[in-house]
Amino acid sequence: MKGCLPFCSNFLSTFTPHHARNLQYDFRIEASGVLKSWAVPKGLSTNPKVKRLAMAVEDHPLDYANFEGVIPEGQYGGGTVMVWDRGTYEPENGEQVGALIKKGELKLKLKGKKLKGSWVLVRTRYRNSLLIKHRDHYASEDELTETSPTSVLTRRTLAEIASQEGNRCHHPQPRPSKAHQLPVSRVHL
């Protein structure tokens, strides 16, 4: 990307309601040629007092970055998918993202259309982390997922995407793995 630091890359936020469960969110960042992904059941909060559970899930192909539509029920990730936010990020301490994820503390500056400022992803157990907004001028008690519920790509709501896309699916399908066979409920941010 032009004008970016070596660490600068896309970060993605998408909403995916899982048919059998509640709406959940995935937080994804591009690193090492894949999308590193965390399921964040309640979505990101811009309130520094709120700590959100983020569960590491399998890496996703970069093709997932621009998918918005409906994945048929019964397929992995079945449900309506929205690209809720996207932009760039950079690690705050200048280290490689993979090393920071392995260490268990990834401090990021997000430069999205909706999410901005400083965040930290701190591992608490094996695949579980907390996603926390740092106190900065972008911190807010507003719930952005409620005040700004539309896609950054198409300005549609989840309901509009579901009704307009129907059963058409151009979703990049990953090769099945043990992780894909587990019953996972998720939401993508």
N, C-alpha and C. Protein backbone atom coordinates (compact mmCIF):
# COMPACT_ATOMS: atom_id res chain seq x y z
N MET A 1 0.84 -1.17 0.00
CA MET A 1 0.00 0.00 0.00
C MET A 1 0.88 1.24 0.00
N LYS A 2 0.54 2.23 -0.76
CA LYS A 2 1.33 3.45 -0.84
C LYS A 2 1.31 4.21 0.47
N GLY A 3 2.47 4.71 0.87
CA GLY A 3 2.56 5.59 2.01
C GLY A 3 2.39 4.92 3.37
N CYS A 4 2.37 3.60 3.41
CA CYS A 4 2.18 2.92 4.69
C CYS A 4 3.51 2.44 5.25
N LEU A 5 3.56 2.33 6.57
CA LEU A 5 4.70 1.72 7.22
C LEU A 5 4.73 0.24 6.85
N PRO A 6 5.87 -0.43 7.03
CA PRO A 6 5.92 -1.85 6.69
C PRO A 6 4.85 -2.69 7.39
N PHE A 7 4.41 -2.27 8.57
CA PHE A 7 3.42 -3.03 9.31
C PHE A 7 2.00 -2.70 8.89
N CYS A 8 1.83 -1.63 8.16
CA CYS A 8 0.51 -1.12 7.84
C CYS A 8 -0.22 -2.10 6.94
N SER A 9 -1.46 -2.37 7.25
CA SER A 9 -2.23 -3.32 6.48
C SER A 9 -3.70 -3.05 6.69
N ASN A 10 -4.54 -3.87 6.10
CA ASN A 10 -5.98 -3.73 6.31
C ASN A 10 -6.39 -4.32 7.63
N PHE A 11 -7.34 -3.70 8.29
CA PHE A 11 -8.04 -4.39 9.35
C PHE A 11 -9.48 -4.39 8.91
N LEU A 12 -10.20 -5.41 9.25
CA LEU A 12 -11.54 -5.59 8.74
C LEU A 12 -12.51 -5.82 9.88
N SER A 13 -13.70 -5.35 9.71
CA SER A 13 -14.76 -5.62 10.65
C SER A 13 -15.99 -6.02 9.86
N THR A 14 -16.57 -7.16 10.20
CA THR A 14 -17.79 -7.58 9.53
C THR A 14 -18.76 -8.15 10.55
N PHE A 15 -20.03 -8.05 10.29
CA PHE A 15 -21.05 -8.66 11.13
C PHE A 15 -21.51 -9.95 10.48
N THR A 16 -21.64 -11.01 11.25
CA THR A 16 -22.21 -12.24 10.74
C THR A 16 -23.13 -12.85 11.76
N PRO A 17 -24.45 -12.74 11.57
CA PRO A 17 -25.32 -13.49 12.48
C PRO A 17 -25.28 -14.95 12.08
N HIS A 18 -25.09 -15.80 13.06
CA HIS A 18 -25.09 -17.24 12.82
C HIS A 18 -26.52 -17.71 13.02
N HIS A 19 -27.08 -18.42 12.03
CA HIS A 19 -28.50 -18.80 12.05
C HIS A 19 -28.93 -19.49 13.34
N ALA A 20 -28.08 -20.34 13.88
CA ALA A 20 -28.48 -21.12 15.05
C ALA A 20 -28.23 -20.39 16.36
N ARG A 21 -27.58 -19.25 16.30
CA ARG A 21 -27.18 -18.55 17.53
C ARG A 21 -27.41 -17.05 17.39
N ASN A 22 -26.91 -16.32 18.40
CA ASN A 22 -27.03 -14.86 18.40
C ASN A 22 -26.06 -14.24 17.42
N LEU A 23 -26.31 -12.98 17.11
CA LEU A 23 -25.39 -12.19 16.30
C LEU A 23 -24.05 -12.15 17.01
N GLN A 24 -22.99 -12.38 16.27
CA GLN A 24 -21.63 -12.32 16.81
C GLN A 24 -20.76 -11.57 15.83
N TYR A 25 -19.53 -11.28 16.24
CA TYR A 25 -18.64 -10.45 15.44
C TYR A 25 -17.28 -11.10 15.27
N ASP A 26 -16.64 -10.86 14.15
CA ASP A 26 -15.24 -11.27 13.94
C ASP A 26 -14.41 -10.03 13.74
N PHE A 27 -13.28 -9.97 14.40
CA PHE A 27 -12.30 -8.91 14.20
C PHE A 27 -11.15 -9.54 13.44
N ARG A 28 -10.79 -8.96 12.30
CA ARG A 28 -9.76 -9.55 11.45
C ARG A 28 -8.73 -8.51 11.06
N ILE A 29 -7.47 -8.93 11.08
CA ILE A 29 -6.40 -8.07 10.59
C ILE A 29 -5.53 -8.86 9.63
N GLU A 30 -5.06 -8.19 8.62
CA GLU A 30 -4.19 -8.83 7.64
C GLU A 30 -2.77 -8.89 8.19
N ALA A 31 -2.20 -10.08 8.19
CA ALA A 31 -0.81 -10.27 8.63
C ALA A 31 -0.28 -11.55 8.01
N SER A 32 0.93 -11.51 7.53
CA SER A 32 1.59 -12.70 6.95
C SER A 32 0.78 -13.33 5.83
N GLY A 33 0.08 -12.52 5.05
CA GLY A 33 -0.65 -13.01 3.88
C GLY A 33 -1.99 -13.65 4.17
N VAL A 34 -2.46 -13.58 5.42
CA VAL A 34 -3.77 -14.12 5.79
C VAL A 34 -4.50 -13.11 6.66
N LEU A 35 -5.76 -13.40 6.95
CA LEU A 35 -6.51 -12.59 7.90
C LEU A 35 -6.48 -13.30 9.25
N LYS A 36 -5.76 -12.74 10.20
CA LYS A 36 -5.78 -13.24 11.58
C LYS A 36 -7.15 -12.87 12.12
N SER A 37 -7.81 -13.79 12.80
CA SER A 37 -9.22 -13.59 13.15
C SER A 37 -9.51 -13.94 14.60
N TRP A 38 -10.39 -13.13 15.19
CA TRP A 38 -10.88 -13.35 16.54
C TRP A 38 -12.39 -13.20 16.54
N ALA A 39 -13.09 -14.14 17.15
CA ALA A 39 -14.53 -14.03 17.35
C ALA A 39 -14.74 -13.17 18.59
N VAL A 40 -15.53 -12.11 18.43
CA VAL A 40 -15.81 -11.17 19.53
C VAL A 40 -17.32 -11.17 19.71
N PRO A 41 -17.84 -12.02 20.63
CA PRO A 41 -19.29 -12.21 20.72
C PRO A 41 -20.11 -10.95 20.88
N LYS A 42 -19.63 -9.96 21.61
CA LYS A 42 -20.42 -8.74 21.82
C LYS A 42 -19.95 -7.58 20.96
N GLY A 43 -18.98 -7.78 20.10
CA GLY A 43 -18.49 -6.72 19.24
C GLY A 43 -17.50 -5.82 19.96
N LEU A 44 -16.83 -4.97 19.20
CA LEU A 44 -15.87 -4.05 19.78
C LEU A 44 -16.59 -2.92 20.50
N SER A 45 -16.02 -2.47 21.59
CA SER A 45 -16.58 -1.33 22.31
C SER A 45 -15.57 -0.20 22.25
N THR A 46 -16.05 1.01 22.07
CA THR A 46 -15.17 2.18 22.08
C THR A 46 -15.05 2.77 23.49
N ASN A 47 -15.63 2.09 24.47
CA ASN A 47 -15.57 2.52 25.87
C ASN A 47 -14.40 1.81 26.56
N PRO A 48 -13.38 2.55 27.01
CA PRO A 48 -12.22 1.91 27.65
C PRO A 48 -12.55 1.13 28.92
N LYS A 49 -13.71 1.37 29.52
CA LYS A 49 -14.11 0.64 30.72
C LYS A 49 -14.62 -0.76 30.39
N VAL A 50 -14.90 -1.00 29.11
CA VAL A 50 -15.49 -2.28 28.67
C VAL A 50 -14.41 -3.18 28.07
N LYS A 51 -14.30 -4.37 28.62
CA LYS A 51 -13.37 -5.37 28.09
C LYS A 51 -14.19 -6.43 27.39
N ARG A 52 -13.87 -6.70 26.13
CA ARG A 52 -14.63 -7.67 25.35
C ARG A 52 -13.81 -8.94 25.11
N LEU A 53 -14.46 -10.08 25.32
CA LEU A 53 -13.84 -11.36 25.04
C LEU A 53 -13.58 -11.48 23.54
N ALA A 54 -12.38 -11.91 23.18
CA ALA A 54 -12.01 -12.14 21.78
C ALA A 54 -11.36 -13.52 21.72
N MET A 55 -11.98 -14.45 20.99
CA MET A 55 -11.48 -15.82 20.91
C MET A 55 -10.80 -16.03 19.57
N ALA A 56 -9.52 -16.40 19.60
CA ALA A 56 -8.79 -16.65 18.36
C ALA A 56 -9.44 -17.79 17.61
N VAL A 57 -9.65 -17.58 16.32
CA VAL A 57 -10.18 -18.62 15.44
C VAL A 57 -9.17 -18.81 14.31
N GLU A 58 -9.44 -19.73 13.43
CA GLU A 58 -8.49 -20.03 12.36
C GLU A 58 -8.27 -18.81 11.47
N ASP A 59 -7.09 -18.76 10.88
CA ASP A 59 -6.79 -17.72 9.90
C ASP A 59 -7.72 -17.89 8.71
N HIS A 60 -8.04 -16.79 8.06
CA HIS A 60 -8.91 -16.82 6.88
C HIS A 60 -8.14 -16.30 5.66
N PRO A 61 -8.50 -16.77 4.47
CA PRO A 61 -7.87 -16.26 3.25
C PRO A 61 -8.20 -14.78 3.07
N LEU A 62 -7.33 -14.08 2.37
CA LEU A 62 -7.54 -12.65 2.13
C LEU A 62 -8.82 -12.38 1.35
N ASP A 63 -9.31 -13.38 0.60
CA ASP A 63 -10.56 -13.22 -0.16
C ASP A 63 -11.74 -12.86 0.73
N TYR A 64 -11.67 -13.20 2.01
CA TYR A 64 -12.77 -12.88 2.93
C TYR A 64 -12.90 -11.38 3.15
N ALA A 65 -11.87 -10.62 2.85
CA ALA A 65 -11.83 -9.19 3.17
C ALA A 65 -12.97 -8.39 2.56
N ASN A 66 -13.40 -8.74 1.38
CA ASN A 66 -14.41 -7.95 0.68
C ASN A 66 -15.76 -8.64 0.53
N PHE A 67 -15.91 -9.81 1.16
CA PHE A 67 -17.17 -10.52 1.00
C PHE A 67 -18.27 -9.88 1.83
N GLU A 68 -19.38 -9.63 1.17
CA GLU A 68 -20.59 -9.17 1.84
C GLU A 68 -21.76 -9.85 1.14
N GLY A 69 -22.60 -10.52 1.90
CA GLY A 69 -23.72 -11.23 1.30
C GLY A 69 -24.25 -12.28 2.25
N VAL A 70 -24.84 -13.32 1.69
CA VAL A 70 -25.45 -14.38 2.49
C VAL A 70 -24.74 -15.69 2.21
N ILE A 71 -24.27 -16.33 3.27
CA ILE A 71 -23.70 -17.68 3.17
C ILE A 71 -24.84 -18.63 3.53
N PRO A 72 -25.15 -19.59 2.66
CA PRO A 72 -26.27 -20.49 2.92
C PRO A 72 -26.14 -21.21 4.26
N GLU A 73 -27.28 -21.41 4.91
CA GLU A 73 -27.33 -22.15 6.17
C GLU A 73 -26.75 -23.53 5.93
N GLY A 74 -26.01 -24.01 6.89
CA GLY A 74 -25.38 -25.33 6.77
C GLY A 74 -23.94 -25.25 6.31
N GLN A 75 -23.56 -24.15 5.65
CA GLN A 75 -22.16 -23.96 5.27
C GLN A 75 -21.45 -23.25 6.41
N TYR A 76 -20.13 -23.40 6.47
CA TYR A 76 -19.34 -22.76 7.51
C TYR A 76 -19.61 -21.25 7.49
N GLY A 77 -19.95 -20.69 8.66
CA GLY A 77 -20.22 -19.26 8.76
C GLY A 77 -21.57 -18.86 8.22
N GLY A 78 -22.48 -19.82 8.03
CA GLY A 78 -23.78 -19.54 7.43
C GLY A 78 -24.49 -18.35 8.06
N GLY A 79 -25.02 -17.47 7.23
CA GLY A 79 -25.73 -16.29 7.69
C GLY A 79 -25.39 -15.09 6.84
N THR A 80 -25.85 -13.95 7.26
CA THR A 80 -25.61 -12.70 6.54
C THR A 80 -24.30 -12.09 7.00
N VAL A 81 -23.49 -11.65 6.05
CA VAL A 81 -22.18 -11.07 6.35
C VAL A 81 -22.15 -9.63 5.87
N MET A 82 -21.66 -8.75 6.74
CA MET A 82 -21.54 -7.34 6.40
C MET A 82 -20.10 -6.89 6.68
N VAL A 83 -19.54 -6.10 5.80
CA VAL A 83 -18.27 -5.45 6.09
C VAL A 83 -18.64 -4.15 6.80
N TRP A 84 -18.62 -4.20 8.13
CA TRP A 84 -19.08 -3.08 8.94
C TRP A 84 -18.05 -1.97 8.99
N ASP A 85 -16.77 -2.33 8.96
CA ASP A 85 -15.71 -1.33 8.96
C ASP A 85 -14.48 -1.89 8.28
N ARG A 86 -13.64 -1.01 7.81
CA ARG A 86 -12.35 -1.40 7.26
C ARG A 86 -11.46 -0.19 7.25
N GLY A 87 -10.20 -0.44 7.20
CA GLY A 87 -9.22 0.64 7.21
C GLY A 87 -7.84 0.05 7.32
N THR A 88 -6.94 0.80 7.95
CA THR A 88 -5.57 0.32 8.15
C THR A 88 -5.27 0.24 9.63
N TYR A 89 -4.21 -0.47 9.94
CA TYR A 89 -3.75 -0.53 11.32
C TYR A 89 -2.24 -0.55 11.32
N GLU A 90 -1.68 -0.25 12.48
CA GLU A 90 -0.25 -0.45 12.67
C GLU A 90 -0.01 -0.79 14.13
N PRO A 91 0.93 -1.71 14.38
CA PRO A 91 1.26 -2.02 15.77
C PRO A 91 1.90 -0.80 16.42
N GLU A 92 1.54 -0.55 17.68
CA GLU A 92 2.03 0.65 18.35
C GLU A 92 3.48 0.56 18.79
N ASN A 93 3.98 -0.64 19.05
CA ASN A 93 5.34 -0.74 19.57
C ASN A 93 6.37 -1.12 18.51
N GLY A 94 5.99 -1.12 17.24
CA GLY A 94 6.94 -1.31 16.16
C GLY A 94 7.41 -2.72 15.90
N GLU A 95 6.88 -3.72 16.60
CA GLU A 95 7.29 -5.10 16.37
C GLU A 95 6.42 -5.74 15.29
N GLN A 96 6.85 -6.91 14.84
CA GLN A 96 6.08 -7.66 13.86
C GLN A 96 4.79 -8.18 14.51
N VAL A 97 3.69 -8.13 13.78
CA VAL A 97 2.39 -8.53 14.29
C VAL A 97 2.41 -9.98 14.78
N GLY A 98 2.99 -10.88 14.02
CA GLY A 98 3.03 -12.29 14.41
C GLY A 98 3.72 -12.49 15.76
N ALA A 99 4.81 -11.77 15.99
CA ALA A 99 5.53 -11.87 17.26
C ALA A 99 4.68 -11.33 18.41
N LEU A 100 3.94 -10.26 18.16
CA LEU A 100 3.09 -9.67 19.20
C LEU A 100 1.92 -10.59 19.54
N ILE A 101 1.34 -11.23 18.52
CA ILE A 101 0.24 -12.18 18.76
C ILE A 101 0.78 -13.35 19.58
N LYS A 102 1.96 -13.84 19.23
CA LYS A 102 2.55 -14.96 19.95
C LYS A 102 2.84 -14.58 21.40
N LYS A 103 3.31 -13.35 21.63
CA LYS A 103 3.57 -12.85 22.99
C LYS A 103 2.28 -12.72 23.80
N GLY A 104 1.18 -12.44 23.10
CA GLY A 104 -0.10 -12.32 23.79
C GLY A 104 -0.51 -10.90 24.10
N GLU A 105 0.17 -9.92 23.53
CA GLU A 105 -0.23 -8.52 23.74
C GLU A 105 0.03 -7.73 22.46
N LEU A 106 -1.06 -7.45 21.76
CA LEU A 106 -0.99 -6.74 20.49
C LEU A 106 -1.65 -5.37 20.66
N LYS A 107 -0.83 -4.33 20.66
CA LYS A 107 -1.33 -2.95 20.75
C LYS A 107 -1.39 -2.40 19.34
N LEU A 108 -2.58 -1.90 18.96
CA LEU A 108 -2.82 -1.44 17.59
C LEU A 108 -3.36 -0.02 17.55
N LYS A 109 -3.03 0.66 16.48
CA LYS A 109 -3.72 1.90 16.14
C LYS A 109 -4.59 1.58 14.94
N LEU A 110 -5.90 1.71 15.11
CA LEU A 110 -6.83 1.46 14.02
C LEU A 110 -7.16 2.79 13.34
N LYS A 111 -7.19 2.76 12.03
CA LYS A 111 -7.54 3.94 11.23
C LYS A 111 -8.64 3.53 10.26
N GLY A 112 -9.81 3.23 10.82
CA GLY A 112 -10.93 2.80 10.00
C GLY A 112 -11.89 3.94 9.74
N LYS A 113 -12.94 3.63 9.01
CA LYS A 113 -13.98 4.63 8.77
C LYS A 113 -14.81 4.83 10.02
N LYS A 114 -14.92 3.80 10.87
CA LYS A 114 -15.70 3.89 12.11
C LYS A 114 -14.83 3.73 13.34
N LEU A 115 -13.96 2.74 13.34
CA LEU A 115 -13.10 2.48 14.49
C LEU A 115 -11.76 3.18 14.31
N LYS A 116 -11.40 3.97 15.30
CA LYS A 116 -10.15 4.73 15.23
C LYS A 116 -9.47 4.71 16.58
N GLY A 117 -8.18 4.93 16.55
CA GLY A 117 -7.44 5.09 17.79
C GLY A 117 -6.75 3.83 18.26
N SER A 118 -6.38 3.87 19.53
CA SER A 118 -5.54 2.85 20.14
C SER A 118 -6.37 1.75 20.82
N TRP A 119 -5.97 0.49 20.58
CA TRP A 119 -6.64 -0.69 21.14
C TRP A 119 -5.56 -1.67 21.59
N VAL A 120 -5.93 -2.60 22.43
CA VAL A 120 -5.02 -3.67 22.82
C VAL A 120 -5.80 -4.99 22.84
N LEU A 121 -5.13 -6.03 22.38
CA LEU A 121 -5.65 -7.39 22.42
C LEU A 121 -4.71 -8.16 23.34
N VAL A 122 -5.19 -8.52 24.54
CA VAL A 122 -4.35 -9.16 25.56
C VAL A 122 -4.84 -10.58 25.78
N ARG A 123 -3.94 -11.56 25.56
CA ARG A 123 -4.32 -12.95 25.76
C ARG A 123 -4.46 -13.24 27.25
N THR A 124 -5.55 -13.92 27.61
CA THR A 124 -5.80 -14.29 28.99
C THR A 124 -5.63 -15.79 29.21
N ARG A 125 -6.02 -16.58 28.25
CA ARG A 125 -5.88 -18.04 28.28
C ARG A 125 -5.62 -18.50 26.86
N TYR A 126 -5.37 -19.77 26.70
CA TYR A 126 -4.99 -20.41 25.44
C TYR A 126 -5.38 -19.61 24.19
N ARG A 127 -6.64 -19.57 23.82
CA ARG A 127 -7.08 -18.86 22.62
C ARG A 127 -7.94 -17.65 22.96
N ASN A 128 -8.12 -17.38 24.24
CA ASN A 128 -8.98 -16.27 24.66
C ASN A 128 -8.15 -15.03 24.96
N SER A 129 -8.68 -13.90 24.56
CA SER A 129 -8.05 -12.61 24.82
C SER A 129 -9.13 -11.62 25.23
N LEU A 130 -8.69 -10.46 25.69
CA LEU A 130 -9.58 -9.34 25.91
C LEU A 130 -9.22 -8.27 24.91
N LEU A 131 -10.23 -7.68 24.29
CA LEU A 131 -10.05 -6.59 23.35
C LEU A 131 -10.51 -5.32 24.05
N ILE A 132 -9.60 -4.37 24.22
CA ILE A 132 -9.87 -3.19 25.04
C ILE A 132 -9.48 -1.92 24.28
N LYS A 133 -10.36 -0.93 24.32
CA LYS A 133 -10.08 0.38 23.74
C LYS A 133 -9.26 1.18 24.75
N HIS A 134 -8.16 1.77 24.30
CA HIS A 134 -7.37 2.65 25.17
C HIS A 134 -8.07 4.00 25.29
N ARG A 135 -7.77 4.68 26.37
CA ARG A 135 -8.30 6.04 26.56
C ARG A 135 -7.56 6.97 25.59
N ASP A 136 -8.30 7.52 24.65
CA ASP A 136 -7.77 8.52 23.72
C ASP A 136 -8.94 9.36 23.23
N HIS A 137 -8.70 10.29 22.33
CA HIS A 137 -9.80 11.18 21.91
C HIS A 137 -10.85 10.47 21.06
N TYR A 138 -10.65 9.20 20.71
CA TYR A 138 -11.68 8.44 19.98
C TYR A 138 -12.53 7.59 20.92
N ALA A 139 -12.15 7.52 22.19
CA ALA A 139 -12.93 6.74 23.17
C ALA A 139 -14.30 7.37 23.35
N SER A 140 -15.30 6.52 23.54
CA SER A 140 -16.68 7.00 23.66
C SER A 140 -17.52 5.96 24.37
N GLU A 141 -18.59 6.40 24.98
CA GLU A 141 -19.54 5.46 25.58
C GLU A 141 -20.61 5.03 24.58
N ASP A 142 -20.61 5.63 23.40
CA ASP A 142 -21.57 5.26 22.36
C ASP A 142 -21.30 3.83 21.89
N GLU A 143 -22.36 3.11 21.57
CA GLU A 143 -22.23 1.78 20.97
C GLU A 143 -22.29 1.96 19.46
N LEU A 144 -21.13 1.99 18.81
CA LEU A 144 -21.08 2.25 17.37
C LEU A 144 -21.86 1.23 16.55
N THR A 145 -21.93 0.00 17.03
CA THR A 145 -22.67 -1.02 16.29
C THR A 145 -24.16 -0.68 16.24
N GLU A 146 -24.63 0.12 17.21
CA GLU A 146 -26.04 0.54 17.22
C GLU A 146 -26.24 1.88 16.53
N THR A 147 -25.30 2.82 16.73
CA THR A 147 -25.47 4.16 16.16
C THR A 147 -25.04 4.22 14.69
N SER A 148 -24.24 3.25 14.25
CA SER A 148 -23.78 3.22 12.87
C SER A 148 -23.90 1.78 12.34
N PRO A 149 -25.13 1.32 12.07
CA PRO A 149 -25.36 -0.10 11.78
C PRO A 149 -25.19 -0.52 10.31
N THR A 150 -24.65 0.34 9.46
CA THR A 150 -24.59 -0.01 8.04
C THR A 150 -23.19 -0.39 7.56
N SER A 151 -23.14 -1.05 6.45
CA SER A 151 -21.91 -1.49 5.80
C SER A 151 -21.11 -0.30 5.29
N VAL A 152 -19.78 -0.40 5.42
CA VAL A 152 -18.93 0.64 4.84
C VAL A 152 -18.79 0.45 3.32
N LEU A 153 -19.11 -0.73 2.82
CA LEU A 153 -19.01 -0.97 1.38
C LEU A 153 -20.26 -0.55 0.63
N THR A 154 -21.43 -0.88 1.19
CA THR A 154 -22.68 -0.68 0.43
C THR A 154 -23.71 0.19 1.15
N ARG A 155 -23.43 0.58 2.39
CA ARG A 155 -24.34 1.38 3.22
C ARG A 155 -25.67 0.66 3.50
N ARG A 156 -25.66 -0.67 3.38
CA ARG A 156 -26.86 -1.45 3.67
C ARG A 156 -26.80 -1.98 5.10
N THR A 157 -27.97 -2.24 5.68
CA THR A 157 -28.05 -2.91 6.97
C THR A 157 -27.97 -4.41 6.74
N LEU A 158 -27.84 -5.16 7.84
CA LEU A 158 -27.86 -6.62 7.71
C LEU A 158 -29.15 -7.11 7.09
N ALA A 159 -30.27 -6.54 7.52
CA ALA A 159 -31.57 -6.95 6.98
C ALA A 159 -31.65 -6.68 5.48
N GLU A 160 -31.14 -5.54 5.04
CA GLU A 160 -31.16 -5.22 3.60
C GLU A 160 -30.26 -6.17 2.82
N ILE A 161 -29.10 -6.49 3.37
CA ILE A 161 -28.21 -7.44 2.69
C ILE A 161 -28.90 -8.79 2.57
N ALA A 162 -29.53 -9.25 3.66
CA ALA A 162 -30.21 -10.55 3.66
C ALA A 162 -31.34 -10.58 2.63
N SER A 163 -32.14 -9.52 2.57
CA SER A 163 -33.29 -9.54 1.65
C SER A 163 -32.86 -9.35 0.20
N GLN A 164 -31.81 -8.59 -0.05
CA GLN A 164 -31.37 -8.32 -1.43
C GLN A 164 -30.49 -9.41 -2.00
N GLU A 165 -29.74 -10.09 -1.15
CA GLU A 165 -28.82 -11.11 -1.63
C GLU A 165 -29.47 -12.48 -1.71
N GLY A 166 -30.49 -12.71 -0.89
CA GLY A 166 -31.17 -14.01 -0.91
C GLY A 166 -30.21 -15.15 -0.71
N ASN A 167 -30.30 -16.17 -1.56
CA ASN A 167 -29.43 -17.34 -1.44
C ASN A 167 -28.20 -17.28 -2.34
N ARG A 168 -27.97 -16.14 -2.99
CA ARG A 168 -26.77 -16.02 -3.81
C ARG A 168 -25.56 -16.01 -2.90
N CYS A 169 -24.57 -16.79 -3.20
CA CYS A 169 -23.39 -16.85 -2.36
C CYS A 169 -22.14 -16.88 -3.22
N HIS A 170 -21.31 -15.89 -3.06
CA HIS A 170 -20.02 -15.86 -3.73
C HIS A 170 -18.93 -15.85 -2.67
N HIS A 171 -19.24 -16.44 -1.53
CA HIS A 171 -18.34 -16.47 -0.39
C HIS A 171 -17.17 -17.38 -0.66
N PRO A 172 -15.95 -16.93 -0.40
CA PRO A 172 -14.80 -17.83 -0.56
C PRO A 172 -14.87 -18.94 0.47
N GLN A 173 -14.95 -20.16 0.02
CA GLN A 173 -15.09 -21.29 0.94
C GLN A 173 -13.71 -21.86 1.27
N PRO A 174 -13.38 -21.89 2.57
CA PRO A 174 -12.10 -22.48 2.97
C PRO A 174 -12.16 -24.00 2.87
N ARG A 175 -10.99 -24.60 2.84
CA ARG A 175 -10.94 -26.05 2.89
C ARG A 175 -11.39 -26.47 4.28
N PRO A 176 -12.22 -27.49 4.40
CA PRO A 176 -12.67 -27.92 5.73
C PRO A 176 -11.48 -28.33 6.60
N SER A 177 -11.53 -27.91 7.84
CA SER A 177 -10.53 -28.31 8.82
C SER A 177 -11.27 -28.68 10.09
N LYS A 178 -10.56 -29.18 11.07
CA LYS A 178 -11.21 -29.52 12.33
C LYS A 178 -11.87 -28.29 12.92
N ALA A 179 -11.24 -27.12 12.78
CA ALA A 179 -11.83 -25.89 13.32
C ALA A 179 -13.15 -25.57 12.64
N HIS A 180 -13.26 -25.86 11.33
CA HIS A 180 -14.50 -25.59 10.62
C HIS A 180 -15.61 -26.56 11.01
N GLN A 181 -15.24 -27.72 11.52
CA GLN A 181 -16.24 -28.72 11.86
C GLN A 181 -16.80 -28.53 13.26
N LEU A 182 -16.16 -27.68 14.06
CA LEU A 182 -16.65 -27.43 15.41
C LEU A 182 -17.85 -26.51 15.34
N PRO A 183 -18.83 -26.69 16.23
CA PRO A 183 -19.96 -25.76 16.26
C PRO A 183 -19.48 -24.44 16.85
N VAL A 184 -19.30 -23.44 16.00
CA VAL A 184 -18.80 -22.15 16.44
C VAL A 184 -19.82 -21.10 16.13
N SER A 185 -20.13 -20.30 17.12
CA SER A 185 -21.05 -19.19 16.93
C SER A 185 -20.20 -17.94 16.86
N ARG A 186 -20.35 -17.10 15.85
CA ARG A 186 -19.49 -15.94 15.75
C ARG A 186 -20.15 -14.75 15.09
N VAL A 187 -19.52 -13.64 15.33
CA VAL A 187 -19.90 -12.39 14.71
C VAL A 187 -18.63 -11.78 14.16
N HIS A 188 -18.68 -11.16 13.04
CA HIS A 188 -17.48 -10.58 12.43
C HIS A 188 -17.50 -9.05 12.56
N LEU A 189 -16.40 -8.52 13.04
CA LEU A 189 -16.23 -7.06 13.11
C LEU A 189 -15.18 -6.67 12.13
